[in-house]
């Protein structure tokens, strides 16, 4: 599946994209989020949480604790922030368990992981356009993530 770009006009629209992903998730998905500070990564994760049935009000940037685990929905959401890690590796026991667990893992600053960790993932890149507008680019890597993206974005512009 080729990369797909969607422009959002507000944080609510960015959250709605995340919610579509959450509703289509089956477990075992890995979302890699890339974008500068303030690009909307955590906003998209709040939507992902809502789509999984988790209260999005509990989702905040995990910058100081690296991983937040959210329960209460139909799947566990592992929200990871690699911003403060110099050279993270998916071979570290904590990260391996989180990234490849049975729930959904959403990893901010995903580009800091080595290339082999990104072979089976949904890469989501967020860019500022102007004001609250963002370009959200989706690239599915691997058949499972291609199916997930196609299901989640079915019917979107």
Protein backbone atom coordinates (compact mmCIF):
# COMPACT_ATOMS: atom_id res chain seq x y z
CA UNK A 1 0.00 0.00 0.00
CA UNK A 2 1.49 3.37 -0.95
CA UNK A 3 1.88 6.10 1.65
CA UNK A 4 -1.25 8.11 2.30
CA UNK A 5 -1.41 11.75 3.40
CA UNK A 6 -4.39 13.41 5.07
CA UNK A 7 -4.61 17.06 6.06
CA UNK A 8 -6.33 17.86 9.34
CA UNK A 9 -7.61 21.32 10.22
CA UNK A 10 -7.79 20.95 14.00
CA UNK A 11 -6.66 18.82 16.94
CA UNK A 12 -10.12 17.20 16.89
CA UNK A 13 -9.59 16.04 13.31
CA UNK A 14 -6.15 14.66 14.20
CA UNK A 15 -7.69 12.82 17.16
CA UNK A 16 -10.41 11.46 14.85
CA UNK A 17 -7.72 9.83 12.68
CA UNK A 18 -6.24 8.22 15.78
CA UNK A 19 -9.70 7.05 16.87
CA UNK A 20 -10.21 5.36 13.49
CA UNK A 21 -6.96 3.48 14.03
CA UNK A 22 -8.04 2.47 17.53
CA UNK A 23 -11.41 1.14 16.37
CA UNK A 24 -9.70 -0.99 13.69
CA UNK A 25 -6.92 -2.34 15.96
CA UNK A 26 -6.92 -6.06 16.73
CA UNK A 27 -3.85 -6.22 18.99
CA UNK A 28 -0.17 -6.49 18.25
CA UNK A 29 -0.02 -3.23 16.28
CA UNK A 30 2.96 -0.90 16.47
CA UNK A 31 2.49 2.78 15.61
CA UNK A 32 5.66 4.78 15.08
CA UNK A 33 5.09 8.51 15.47
CA UNK A 34 7.50 11.03 13.99
CA UNK A 35 7.30 14.82 14.04
CA UNK A 36 8.80 17.85 15.71
CA UNK A 37 7.73 19.02 19.15
CA UNK A 38 4.11 20.15 19.02
CA UNK A 39 3.36 18.39 15.72
CA UNK A 40 0.40 16.46 17.17
CA UNK A 41 1.87 13.08 18.09
CA UNK A 42 0.25 12.93 21.54
CA UNK A 43 -2.99 14.31 20.07
CA UNK A 44 -3.13 11.37 17.65
CA UNK A 45 -2.44 8.97 20.55
CA UNK A 46 -5.37 10.48 22.51
CA UNK A 47 -7.58 9.60 19.56
CA UNK A 48 -6.08 6.12 19.38
CA UNK A 49 -6.96 5.66 23.05
CA UNK A 50 -10.54 6.81 22.46
CA UNK A 51 -10.90 4.36 19.58
CA UNK A 52 -9.75 1.57 21.91
CA UNK A 53 -12.32 2.59 24.53
CA UNK A 54 -9.78 4.25 26.85
CA UNK A 55 -10.50 7.69 28.33
CA UNK A 56 -8.35 10.05 26.20
CA UNK A 57 -8.14 12.49 29.12
CA UNK A 58 -5.65 10.10 30.74
CA UNK A 59 -3.25 10.29 27.78
CA UNK A 60 -0.39 12.75 28.17
CA UNK A 61 3.09 12.87 26.75
CA UNK A 62 5.11 10.25 28.65
CA UNK A 63 8.38 12.20 28.19
CA UNK A 64 9.53 11.88 31.81
CA UNK A 65 8.56 8.24 32.41
CA UNK A 66 9.17 6.82 28.90
CA UNK A 67 6.17 4.40 28.99
CA UNK A 68 2.57 4.87 30.10
CA UNK A 69 0.35 1.80 30.05
CA UNK A 70 -3.35 2.54 29.61
CA UNK A 71 -6.00 -0.01 30.56
CA UNK A 72 -9.79 0.15 30.52
CA UNK A 73 -10.37 -0.39 26.82
CA UNK A 74 -10.67 -3.50 24.71
CA UNK A 75 -6.86 -3.58 24.30
CA UNK A 76 -3.98 -2.22 26.37
CA UNK A 77 -2.35 0.91 24.95
CA UNK A 78 1.38 1.30 25.56
CA UNK A 79 2.34 4.95 24.99
CA UNK A 80 6.11 5.31 24.63
CA UNK A 81 8.24 8.44 24.28
CA UNK A 82 11.86 7.96 23.19
CA UNK A 83 12.73 11.68 23.28
CA UNK A 84 15.01 11.41 26.31
CA UNK A 85 16.75 8.17 25.30
CA UNK A 86 20.04 8.61 23.45
CA UNK A 87 20.27 5.28 21.62
CA UNK A 88 17.19 3.18 22.31
CA UNK A 89 17.16 -0.41 21.10
CA UNK A 90 14.20 -2.72 20.65
CA UNK A 91 16.45 -5.39 22.18
CA UNK A 92 16.14 -3.80 25.64
CA UNK A 93 13.78 -6.10 27.61
CA UNK A 94 11.33 -3.34 28.61
CA UNK A 95 11.05 -1.93 25.09
CA UNK A 96 10.85 -5.36 23.46
CA UNK A 97 7.92 -6.34 25.70
CA UNK A 98 6.15 -3.02 25.06
CA UNK A 99 6.77 -2.75 21.30
CA UNK A 100 5.81 -6.30 20.46
CA UNK A 101 3.15 -6.98 23.10
CA UNK A 102 -0.46 -8.08 22.60
CA UNK A 103 -1.97 -4.58 22.82
CA UNK A 104 -1.24 -1.50 20.74
CA UNK A 105 2.08 0.33 21.11
CA UNK A 106 2.29 4.00 20.11
CA UNK A 107 5.90 5.21 20.06
CA UNK A 108 6.74 8.91 19.86
CA UNK A 109 10.16 9.76 18.37
CA UNK A 110 10.08 6.39 16.59
CA UNK A 111 12.82 7.53 14.22
CA UNK A 112 15.32 7.08 17.10
CA UNK A 113 14.95 3.29 16.95
CA UNK A 114 17.26 1.26 14.68
CA UNK A 115 15.92 0.45 11.20
CA UNK A 116 15.26 -3.24 11.90
CA UNK A 117 12.75 -2.30 14.63
CA UNK A 118 10.64 -0.53 12.01
CA UNK A 119 10.15 -3.43 9.60
CA UNK A 120 6.65 -4.30 10.86
CA UNK A 121 4.95 -1.06 11.91
CA UNK A 122 2.68 1.77 10.89
CA UNK A 123 4.82 4.88 10.51
CA UNK A 124 2.87 8.09 11.10
CA UNK A 125 4.63 11.37 10.34
CA UNK A 126 2.99 14.63 11.41
CA UNK A 127 3.94 18.04 9.99
CA UNK A 128 2.71 21.56 10.77
CA UNK A 129 1.12 23.28 7.79
CA UNK A 130 -0.21 26.50 9.31
CA UNK A 131 -2.05 27.29 12.52
CA UNK A 132 -3.67 24.07 13.73
CA UNK A 133 -3.48 22.38 10.33
CA UNK A 134 -1.33 19.28 10.01
CA UNK A 135 -0.34 16.85 7.30
CA UNK A 136 -0.54 13.30 8.64
CA UNK A 137 1.38 10.79 6.51
CA UNK A 138 0.75 7.06 6.97
CA UNK A 139 3.20 4.40 5.75
CA UNK A 140 2.35 0.79 6.53
CA UNK A 141 5.27 -1.62 6.76
CA UNK A 142 4.26 -5.28 6.64
CA UNK A 143 1.04 -7.00 5.61
CA UNK A 144 -0.66 -6.82 9.04
CA UNK A 145 -0.16 -3.03 9.23
CA UNK A 146 -1.25 -2.57 5.61
CA UNK A 147 -4.54 -4.34 6.40
CA UNK A 148 -4.97 -2.30 9.58
CA UNK A 149 -4.39 1.01 7.81
CA UNK A 150 -6.73 0.11 4.95
CA UNK A 151 -9.45 -0.85 7.42
CA UNK A 152 -8.98 2.23 9.59
CA UNK A 153 -8.93 4.75 6.74
CA UNK A 154 -11.70 3.19 4.66
CA UNK A 155 -14.03 6.02 3.69
CA UNK A 156 -11.71 8.88 4.67
CA UNK A 157 -10.79 11.58 2.24
